[in-house]
Amino acid sequence: MSFFAYSPFETREAEQNAQILFHASRSAWIKLNDTGLEIARHLDQGESVQDVVLHLRKKYGITHEIARGDVIQVRDELARNGFLQPEHISRPFRSPTLNSLFLHLTNRCNLSCPHCYTSKPGQAFTQDLPSALVSRMIDELADHGGTGVTLSGGEPLLHPEIKGILRHIASRLDIRLLTNGTLIDREWAEFLSDRGIYVQISVDGSCSEIHDRIRGKGSFRKAIDGVEHLQGAGLGDRINFSTTLMNQNIDDLTEIITLAQRLGVPLVRFLPLRRKGTAQSTWQTTGSDLGIKSYTRFYDDTHSLQTIIGTNIEISCGLSGFLLKMPEEFEKDDIWCPVGRRVVVDFNGDAYPCVLMMEDEFRLGNVFHNSLEEIIQSDAMAGVCRALSERRQKIEKCAVCTWRNLCQAGCMGQALDNKGTVWDTDDFCDYRKRAYKEAFDKILAIDD
């Protein structure tokens, strides 16, 4: 059985003979010349180093030392990248582990955004996760070796016991707070800074004219004031913007990046609009003009702008499944998606595997009745992890795709949003294929 998949690349830029070798079941790849590929194939077939050396000497008339040096070099490179290891031939599978929480603390909010995925038109009641329940979850997470908590809403700063909640969490775990920023004054900024909290501010326009049209009059100035208060309190390197792409701001997105650069905000995250919650009823005004062409143009513009800006600001453009190297934190099971490592809890206590999968069919339990351990080890979570691992082979077009072990069939949650099933790719499959092709063409063109 072969331990790797061979995929030749014809490049316009590269005159040297070069190929990219992809692992059959993992996200690993290496660049080899024709001789290196020949050596790899012989090693893959179970031949010893000495056998391959003899083959090279006979075929090319080279010395033993040269042939052995070439074989050892290729063998070591294969080993470093996880090839030729029988234990790695099986497809990676995620074993559910409790690493982090994403809590929707409350449905209270001081804004009424037309693209909110957690609220629904006419929703009048307020609901909060009780602070005692939050404390219980935090303690359980910390006791299981968890690392952090993301707090969202609604607007989490409106939870009636938010300061007590933040104090307790900060004593045990890292916190990322998702807020619209309009409530952050100097006092709040000092409170958050004292606990080293990461703060994500929602910014949907580069100016008040665009942002306020989406989030309400005066909200832009208040959000920017909040950023400045946080910077003044020493949290400058722990702030990021978050922007949802929609009809109202699709032509303003690169200006938001420029705004972040001007204000000294180190990271901007862009998120696709979801047809959920309020956005479902406002789709004609928020999302009807959006399509894959709009996103593609934005991704291309973002790439060009980032090249111009350099490395002083990080841009996350919402394109899941495009990566050339597995992040260190995911190397163990070689799956880049965080599903199976995090529990998402709604303000009514229902638990889900992902913010993008908050549907009844993926409900894992309820924290009023179930411990986090019961939820993470549930049959429902195991089923989601199994799907996460198997999508790249069970989705027909993925199974025959060169990039399947890199993109891993794209984002499972976005596929659910876009196609109504996790057994399909998301809407960005074709764009990723193009991006991978361009990336590896450049890699092949590099004169090693």
Protein backbone atom coordinates (compact mmCIF):
# COMPACT_ATOMS: atom_id res chain seq x y z
CA MET A 1 0.00 0.00 0.00
CA SER A 2 1.37 3.39 -0.96
CA PHE A 3 2.02 5.89 1.80
CA PHE A 4 1.82 8.90 -0.47
CA ALA A 5 -0.09 10.35 -3.38
CA TYR A 6 1.83 11.55 -6.43
CA SER A 7 0.63 14.66 -8.19
CA PRO A 8 2.70 16.23 -10.97
CA PHE A 9 2.63 19.95 -11.59
CA GLU A 10 3.33 21.58 -14.91
CA THR A 11 4.51 25.12 -14.22
CA ARG A 12 5.15 28.00 -16.58
CA GLU A 13 7.71 29.59 -14.27
CA ALA A 14 9.90 26.63 -13.39
CA GLU A 15 12.39 25.29 -15.88
CA GLN A 16 13.92 22.76 -13.47
CA ASN A 17 12.28 19.36 -13.12
CA ALA A 18 10.26 19.51 -9.93
CA GLN A 19 7.22 17.79 -8.51
CA ILE A 20 5.08 18.10 -5.40
CA LEU A 21 4.54 14.87 -3.50
CA PHE A 22 1.38 14.76 -1.33
CA HIS A 23 0.84 12.36 1.55
CA ALA A 24 -2.04 9.98 0.86
CA SER A 25 -3.90 10.62 4.11
CA ARG A 26 -2.29 13.57 5.90
CA SER A 27 -1.70 17.24 5.11
CA ALA A 28 2.04 16.75 4.47
CA TRP A 29 3.79 17.49 1.16
CA ILE A 30 7.34 17.85 -0.11
CA LYS A 31 9.00 19.19 -3.22
CA LEU A 32 11.24 16.75 -5.12
CA ASN A 33 13.09 16.66 -8.42
CA ASP A 34 12.63 13.71 -10.75
CA THR A 35 15.44 11.69 -9.16
CA GLY A 36 14.08 12.37 -5.68
CA LEU A 37 10.66 11.20 -6.79
CA GLU A 38 12.19 8.03 -8.23
CA ILE A 39 13.97 7.33 -4.93
CA ALA A 40 10.75 7.99 -2.98
CA ARG A 41 8.82 5.53 -5.11
CA HIS A 42 11.38 2.76 -4.53
CA LEU A 43 11.43 3.39 -0.78
CA ASP A 44 7.63 3.42 -0.74
CA GLN A 45 7.62 -0.02 -2.32
CA GLY A 46 9.61 -1.36 0.62
CA GLU A 47 13.07 -1.44 -0.92
CA SER A 48 16.01 -0.94 1.43
CA VAL A 49 18.42 1.98 1.17
CA GLN A 50 21.04 -0.38 -0.22
CA ASP A 51 18.63 -1.71 -2.88
CA VAL A 52 17.87 1.82 -4.06
CA VAL A 53 21.57 2.75 -4.07
CA LEU A 54 22.33 -0.22 -6.31
CA HIS A 55 19.47 0.77 -8.63
CA LEU A 56 20.78 4.32 -8.98
CA ARG A 57 24.36 3.21 -9.58
CA LYS A 58 23.27 0.81 -12.30
CA LYS A 59 20.90 3.23 -14.00
CA TYR A 60 22.99 6.42 -13.85
CA GLY A 61 26.56 5.13 -13.54
CA ILE A 62 27.28 7.20 -10.41
CA THR A 63 29.50 6.35 -7.45
CA HIS A 64 28.28 4.54 -4.36
CA GLU A 65 28.89 7.64 -2.22
CA ILE A 66 26.83 9.93 -4.46
CA ALA A 67 23.99 7.44 -4.79
CA ARG A 68 23.87 6.74 -1.06
CA GLY A 69 23.97 10.45 -0.24
CA ASP A 70 20.99 11.10 -2.51
CA VAL A 71 18.98 8.21 -1.08
CA ILE A 72 19.67 9.16 2.55
CA GLN A 73 18.75 12.79 1.85
CA VAL A 74 15.41 11.85 0.30
CA ARG A 75 14.67 9.24 2.98
CA ASP A 76 15.31 11.74 5.78
CA GLU A 77 13.15 14.39 4.08
CA LEU A 78 10.31 11.90 3.71
CA ALA A 79 10.63 10.90 7.36
CA ARG A 80 10.62 14.51 8.58
CA ASN A 81 7.34 15.08 6.79
CA GLY A 82 5.58 11.93 7.98
CA PHE A 83 5.97 9.79 4.86
CA LEU A 84 6.99 6.12 4.87
CA GLN A 85 5.46 5.56 8.29
CA PRO A 86 2.90 2.71 8.26
CA GLU A 87 1.19 3.96 11.40
CA HIS A 88 0.28 7.15 9.55
CA ILE A 89 -1.43 5.52 6.61
CA SER A 90 -4.85 5.50 8.28
CA ARG A 91 -6.88 8.64 7.84
CA PRO A 92 -6.68 10.99 10.85
CA PHE A 93 -9.61 10.85 13.25
CA ARG A 94 -10.47 13.46 15.85
CA SER A 95 -10.96 12.17 19.35
CA PRO A 96 -13.19 14.71 21.18
CA THR A 97 -11.27 16.67 23.80
CA LEU A 98 -12.48 19.56 25.96
CA ASN A 99 -10.10 22.42 25.20
CA SER A 100 -12.25 25.55 25.11
CA LEU A 101 -15.72 27.04 25.44
CA PHE A 102 -17.70 29.52 23.37
CA LEU A 103 -20.45 30.99 25.56
CA HIS A 104 -23.37 33.11 24.41
CA LEU A 105 -23.86 34.67 27.84
CA THR A 106 -27.02 36.60 27.05
CA ASN A 107 -29.38 37.66 24.30
CA ARG A 108 -29.48 41.21 25.64
CA CYS A 109 -28.08 43.81 23.27
CA ASN A 110 -28.08 47.59 23.03
CA LEU A 111 -28.03 47.44 19.20
CA SER A 112 -30.40 45.91 16.65
CA CYS A 113 -28.19 44.82 13.78
CA PRO A 114 -29.88 43.52 10.63
CA HIS A 115 -27.33 40.70 10.25
CA CYS A 116 -27.38 39.26 13.79
CA TYR A 117 -27.39 35.45 13.71
CA THR A 118 -28.43 34.98 17.36
CA SER A 119 -31.54 37.15 17.51
CA LYS A 120 -34.90 36.85 15.79
CA PRO A 121 -37.38 39.55 14.73
CA GLY A 122 -39.86 40.39 17.48
CA GLN A 123 -37.90 38.54 20.16
CA ALA A 124 -38.86 40.38 23.35
CA PHE A 125 -37.74 38.13 26.20
CA THR A 126 -34.29 38.33 27.76
CA GLN A 127 -32.31 35.29 28.78
CA ASP A 128 -28.96 35.00 30.52
CA LEU A 129 -26.77 32.08 31.47
CA PRO A 130 -26.72 32.11 35.31
CA SER A 131 -23.34 33.10 36.71
CA ALA A 132 -23.28 30.02 38.96
CA LEU A 133 -23.70 27.79 35.93
CA VAL A 134 -20.98 29.67 34.06
CA SER A 135 -18.64 29.25 37.05
CA ARG A 136 -19.34 25.52 37.13
CA MET A 137 -18.48 25.20 33.43
CA ILE A 138 -15.34 27.28 33.84
CA ASP A 139 -14.12 25.15 36.73
CA GLU A 140 -14.82 21.94 34.82
CA LEU A 141 -13.03 23.25 31.74
CA ALA A 142 -9.99 24.34 33.76
CA ASP A 143 -9.89 21.03 35.64
CA HIS A 144 -9.81 19.23 32.27
CA GLY A 145 -6.82 21.27 31.14
CA GLY A 146 -8.79 23.69 28.97
CA THR A 147 -7.07 26.84 27.83
CA GLY A 148 -9.63 29.52 27.09
CA VAL A 149 -13.15 30.88 26.82
CA THR A 150 -14.80 33.08 24.20
CA LEU A 151 -17.65 35.23 25.51
CA SER A 152 -20.34 36.48 23.17
CA GLY A 153 -24.01 37.43 23.23
CA GLY A 154 -26.04 39.44 22.38
CA GLU A 155 -23.76 41.96 23.98
CA PRO A 156 -21.90 40.13 26.79
CA LEU A 157 -21.17 43.33 28.73
CA LEU A 158 -24.93 43.61 29.37
CA HIS A 159 -25.06 40.38 31.36
CA PRO A 160 -26.18 41.50 34.85
CA GLU A 161 -23.27 39.67 36.54
CA ILE A 162 -20.64 40.11 33.87
CA LYS A 163 -17.89 41.54 36.08
CA GLY A 164 -18.11 38.65 38.52
CA ILE A 165 -18.05 36.21 35.61
CA LEU A 166 -14.98 37.88 34.12
CA ARG A 167 -13.16 37.90 37.45
CA HIS A 168 -13.75 34.20 37.94
CA ILE A 169 -12.76 33.19 34.41
CA ALA A 170 -9.65 35.37 34.37
CA SER A 171 -8.39 33.65 37.52
CA ARG A 172 -8.27 30.34 35.66
CA LEU A 173 -8.38 30.77 31.87
CA ASP A 174 -7.69 33.13 28.96
CA ILE A 175 -10.67 35.18 27.79
CA ARG A 176 -11.65 36.51 24.38
CA LEU A 177 -14.52 38.98 24.62
CA LEU A 178 -16.68 39.62 21.54
CA THR A 179 -18.37 43.00 21.88
CA ASN A 180 -19.76 45.83 19.79
CA GLY A 181 -17.47 48.13 21.76
CA THR A 182 -20.01 50.85 22.41
CA LEU A 183 -20.12 50.31 26.18
CA ILE A 184 -16.37 50.38 26.78
CA ASP A 185 -15.40 53.52 28.68
CA ARG A 186 -12.18 54.18 30.63
CA GLU A 187 -13.43 52.25 33.64
CA TRP A 188 -14.33 49.19 31.57
CA ALA A 189 -11.04 49.40 29.69
CA GLU A 190 -9.06 49.38 32.94
CA PHE A 191 -11.12 46.45 34.24
CA LEU A 192 -10.49 44.40 31.10
CA SER A 193 -6.83 45.36 30.99
CA ASP A 194 -6.24 44.30 34.59
CA ARG A 195 -7.31 40.79 33.56
CA GLY A 196 -5.41 40.64 30.27
CA ILE A 197 -8.55 40.02 28.24
CA TYR A 198 -8.48 39.84 24.44
CA VAL A 199 -11.20 42.06 22.97
CA GLN A 200 -12.83 41.75 19.57
CA ILE A 201 -14.71 44.84 18.41
CA SER A 202 -17.38 44.57 15.72
CA VAL A 203 -16.68 47.16 13.00
CA ASP A 204 -18.84 46.92 9.90
CA GLY A 205 -17.76 50.12 8.18
CA SER A 206 -14.68 52.29 7.91
CA CYS A 207 -16.67 55.42 8.72
CA SER A 208 -19.78 56.42 10.62
CA GLU A 209 -21.83 56.76 7.44
CA ILE A 210 -21.50 53.03 6.63
CA HIS A 211 -21.14 51.54 10.11
CA ASP A 212 -24.03 53.53 11.61
CA ARG A 213 -26.30 52.63 8.72
CA ILE A 214 -25.84 49.01 9.80
CA ARG A 215 -25.50 49.23 13.58
CA GLY A 216 -27.27 52.42 14.53
CA LYS A 217 -26.60 56.15 14.86
CA GLY A 218 -23.53 56.99 16.91
CA SER A 219 -22.32 53.39 17.19
CA PHE A 220 -19.18 53.97 15.09
CA ARG A 221 -17.88 56.80 17.23
CA LYS A 222 -18.59 54.83 20.42
CA ALA A 223 -16.84 51.72 19.07
CA ILE A 224 -13.75 53.71 18.04
CA ASP A 225 -13.75 55.45 21.43
CA GLY A 226 -13.85 51.99 23.00
CA VAL A 227 -10.80 50.95 20.98
CA GLU A 228 -8.92 54.05 22.09
CA HIS A 229 -9.85 53.48 25.74
CA LEU A 230 -8.55 49.90 25.51
CA GLN A 231 -5.33 51.09 23.90
CA GLY A 232 -4.92 53.71 26.60
CA ALA A 233 -5.32 51.00 29.22
CA GLY A 234 -2.53 48.90 27.68
CA LEU A 235 -4.54 46.38 25.64
CA GLY A 236 -3.39 47.62 22.23
CA ASP A 237 -1.90 44.29 21.20
CA ARG A 238 -5.00 42.38 22.36
CA ILE A 239 -7.61 44.08 20.19
CA ASN A 240 -8.99 43.00 16.85
CA PHE A 241 -11.74 44.12 14.52
CA SER A 242 -14.42 41.74 13.28
CA THR A 243 -16.40 42.59 10.15
CA THR A 244 -19.32 40.74 8.59
CA LEU A 245 -19.47 40.98 4.81
CA MET A 246 -22.84 42.24 3.55
CA ASN A 247 -24.44 44.34 0.83
CA GLN A 248 -23.94 47.54 2.81
CA ASN A 249 -20.16 47.24 3.19
CA ILE A 250 -18.91 44.95 0.41
CA ASP A 251 -17.16 47.89 -1.31
CA ASP A 252 -15.72 49.24 1.95
CA LEU A 253 -13.85 46.20 3.26
CA THR A 254 -10.33 47.18 2.26
CA GLU A 255 -10.95 50.59 3.83
CA ILE A 256 -11.67 48.81 7.13
CA ILE A 257 -8.21 47.26 6.87
CA THR A 258 -6.78 50.73 6.30
CA LEU A 259 -8.72 52.00 9.32
CA ALA A 260 -7.24 49.25 11.49
CA GLN A 261 -3.77 50.10 10.29
CA ARG A 262 -4.30 53.79 11.03
CA LEU A 263 -5.59 53.04 14.54
CA GLY A 264 -2.91 50.47 15.30
CA VAL A 265 -5.28 47.50 15.56
CA PRO A 266 -3.13 44.43 14.80
CA LEU A 267 -5.77 42.03 13.45
CA VAL A 268 -8.90 42.24 11.29
CA ARG A 269 -11.23 39.27 10.90
CA PHE A 270 -13.78 39.12 8.10
CA LEU A 271 -16.75 36.77 8.37
CA PRO A 272 -19.23 35.66 5.69
CA LEU A 273 -22.81 36.76 6.26
CA ARG A 274 -25.00 33.94 7.58
CA ARG A 275 -28.64 33.56 6.61
CA LYS A 276 -29.65 32.99 10.23
CA GLY A 277 -31.53 34.88 12.92
CA THR A 278 -32.41 38.43 11.98
CA ALA A 279 -30.43 38.16 8.75
CA GLN A 280 -32.88 35.58 7.45
CA SER A 281 -35.70 38.14 7.46
CA THR A 282 -33.50 41.01 6.21
CA TRP A 283 -31.73 39.04 3.50
CA GLN A 284 -33.02 41.22 0.67
CA THR A 285 -31.21 44.22 2.11
CA THR A 286 -28.21 42.49 3.71
CA GLY A 287 -27.26 39.53 1.54
CA SER A 288 -29.20 39.33 -1.73
CA ASP A 289 -26.42 40.95 -3.77
CA LEU A 290 -23.66 38.81 -2.30
CA GLY A 291 -22.34 35.86 -4.25
CA ILE A 292 -19.17 33.92 -4.75
CA LYS A 293 -17.98 36.58 -7.22
CA SER A 294 -18.22 39.24 -4.52
CA TYR A 295 -16.24 37.14 -2.07
CA THR A 296 -13.68 36.21 -4.72
CA ARG A 297 -13.10 39.85 -5.59
CA PHE A 298 -12.69 40.64 -1.90
CA TYR A 299 -10.22 37.79 -1.33
CA ASP A 300 -8.15 38.93 -4.30
CA ASP A 301 -8.24 42.56 -3.15
CA THR A 302 -7.30 41.53 0.39
CA HIS A 303 -4.33 39.53 -0.84
CA SER A 304 -3.10 42.46 -2.91
CA LEU A 305 -3.59 44.90 -0.04
CA GLN A 306 -1.82 42.67 2.47
CA THR A 307 1.13 42.44 0.10
CA ILE A 308 1.27 46.22 0.00
CA ILE A 309 0.76 46.71 3.75
CA GLY A 310 3.36 44.12 4.71
CA THR A 311 3.38 42.24 8.00
CA ASN A 312 2.32 44.93 10.48
CA ILE A 313 -1.34 43.88 10.40
CA GLU A 314 -2.85 40.40 10.23
CA ILE A 315 -5.87 39.82 8.03
CA SER A 316 -8.16 36.83 8.43
CA CYS A 317 -10.48 36.92 5.43
CA GLY A 318 -12.84 34.10 6.40
CA LEU A 319 -11.52 31.62 3.83
CA SER A 320 -11.44 28.37 5.78
CA GLY A 321 -9.48 25.39 4.50
CA PHE A 322 -6.65 27.20 2.75
CA LEU A 323 -3.38 26.40 4.47
CA LEU A 324 -0.03 25.03 3.38
CA LYS A 325 1.13 23.89 6.81
CA MET A 326 -0.92 22.48 9.66
CA PRO A 327 -0.87 24.80 12.72
CA GLU A 328 1.15 23.31 15.56
CA GLU A 329 -1.86 23.04 17.86
CA PHE A 330 -3.58 20.71 15.36
CA GLU A 331 -0.59 18.59 14.33
CA LYS A 332 -1.48 15.67 16.60
CA ASP A 333 -4.53 14.57 14.63
CA ASP A 334 -3.75 16.61 11.51
CA ILE A 335 -7.20 18.24 11.32
CA TRP A 336 -7.29 22.03 11.19
CA CYS A 337 -10.94 22.50 12.22
CA PRO A 338 -11.55 23.13 15.97
CA VAL A 339 -14.75 21.04 16.01
CA GLY A 340 -14.40 18.36 18.68
CA ARG A 341 -12.17 20.53 20.84
CA ARG A 342 -14.69 23.20 21.76
CA VAL A 343 -18.21 23.29 23.13
CA VAL A 344 -20.50 26.14 22.07
CA VAL A 345 -23.25 27.02 24.54
CA ASP A 346 -26.29 29.14 23.70
CA PHE A 347 -27.88 31.47 26.25
CA ASN A 348 -30.60 28.84 26.87
CA GLY A 349 -27.97 26.25 27.78
CA ASP A 350 -28.09 24.16 24.60
CA ALA A 351 -24.67 22.89 23.55
CA TYR A 352 -23.33 22.49 19.99
CA PRO A 353 -20.03 21.54 18.33
CA CYS A 354 -19.61 24.82 16.42
CA VAL A 355 -21.09 28.32 16.17
CA LEU A 356 -21.95 27.47 12.55
CA MET A 357 -23.74 24.28 13.55
CA MET A 358 -26.27 25.54 16.08
CA GLU A 359 -29.06 23.41 14.64
CA ASP A 360 -31.30 20.87 16.37
CA GLU A 361 -29.71 17.94 14.52
CA PHE A 362 -26.31 18.83 16.02
CA ARG A 363 -27.47 19.59 19.56
CA LEU A 364 -25.16 17.80 22.01
CA GLY A 365 -27.07 18.33 25.24
CA ASN A 366 -27.89 21.14 27.65
CA VAL A 367 -25.55 22.46 30.33
CA PHE A 368 -28.42 22.83 32.79
CA HIS A 369 -28.69 19.05 32.76
CA ASN A 370 -25.38 17.74 31.39
CA SER A 371 -21.76 18.21 32.43
CA LEU A 372 -19.26 19.35 29.82
CA GLU A 373 -17.62 15.93 30.05
CA GLU A 374 -20.92 14.25 29.18
CA ILE A 375 -21.37 16.64 26.27
CA ILE A 376 -17.88 16.31 24.80
CA GLN A 377 -17.98 12.50 25.12
CA SER A 378 -21.52 12.15 23.80
CA ASP A 379 -22.41 9.94 20.86
CA ALA A 380 -23.55 13.11 19.07
CA MET A 381 -20.10 14.70 19.35
CA ALA A 382 -18.43 11.46 18.26
CA GLY A 383 -20.65 11.43 15.17
CA VAL A 384 -19.70 15.01 14.29
CA CYS A 385 -16.00 14.20 14.67
CA ARG A 386 -16.42 11.14 12.49
CA ALA A 387 -18.02 13.28 9.78
CA LEU A 388 -15.21 15.82 10.15
CA SER A 389 -12.66 13.09 9.50
CA GLU A 390 -14.52 11.36 6.67
CA ARG A 391 -15.84 14.24 4.55
CA ARG A 392 -12.74 14.46 2.35
CA GLN A 393 -13.24 10.87 1.20
CA LYS A 394 -17.02 10.53 1.25
CA ILE A 395 -17.69 13.72 -0.73
CA GLU A 396 -17.17 12.48 -4.27
CA LYS A 397 -15.46 15.54 -5.73
CA CYS A 398 -13.15 15.78 -2.71
CA ALA A 399 -12.04 12.14 -2.89
CA VAL A 400 -10.44 12.71 -6.31
CA CYS A 401 -9.05 16.19 -5.55
CA THR A 402 -5.33 16.86 -5.19
CA TRP A 403 -5.94 19.25 -2.29
CA ARG A 404 -8.27 17.07 -0.19
CA ASN A 405 -5.86 16.56 2.73
CA LEU A 406 -4.99 20.25 2.87
CA CYS A 407 -8.44 21.84 2.68
CA GLN A 408 -10.14 18.73 4.17
CA ALA A 409 -13.35 19.45 2.23
CA GLY A 410 -13.50 23.03 3.50
CA CYS A 411 -15.47 24.29 6.48
CA MET A 412 -18.11 21.83 7.66
CA GLY A 413 -20.17 24.60 9.28
CA GLN A 414 -20.08 26.81 6.19
CA ALA A 415 -21.12 23.82 4.07
CA LEU A 416 -24.11 23.40 6.37
CA ASP A 417 -24.94 27.09 5.97
CA ASN A 418 -24.37 27.12 2.19
CA LYS A 419 -25.70 23.72 1.14
CA GLY A 420 -27.83 22.52 4.07
CA THR A 421 -25.59 19.49 4.65
CA VAL A 422 -22.11 18.74 5.96
CA TRP A 423 -21.68 16.18 3.14
CA ASP A 424 -20.77 18.79 0.57
CA THR A 425 -18.12 21.46 0.27
CA ASP A 426 -18.73 25.08 1.17
CA ASP A 427 -19.14 27.74 -1.51
CA PHE A 428 -15.42 28.49 -1.72
CA CYS A 429 -14.19 25.18 -3.15
CA ASP A 430 -13.32 26.52 -6.62
CA TYR A 431 -11.55 29.55 -5.17
CA ARG A 432 -9.41 27.35 -2.90
CA LYS A 433 -8.45 25.13 -5.85
CA ARG A 434 -7.23 28.17 -7.73
CA ALA A 435 -5.39 29.51 -4.68
CA TYR A 436 -3.65 26.18 -4.05
CA LYS A 437 -2.63 25.88 -7.70
CA GLU A 438 -1.14 29.38 -7.66
CA ALA A 439 0.63 28.77 -4.36
CA PHE A 440 2.27 25.53 -5.44
CA ASP A 441 3.19 26.96 -8.84
CA LYS A 442 5.15 29.61 -6.93
CA ILE A 443 6.74 26.98 -4.69
CA LEU A 444 7.80 24.97 -7.73
CA ALA A 445 9.25 28.07 -9.36
CA ILE A 446 11.60 28.69 -6.44
CA ASP A 447 15.17 27.68 -7.28
CA ASP A 448 16.14 25.54 -4.31
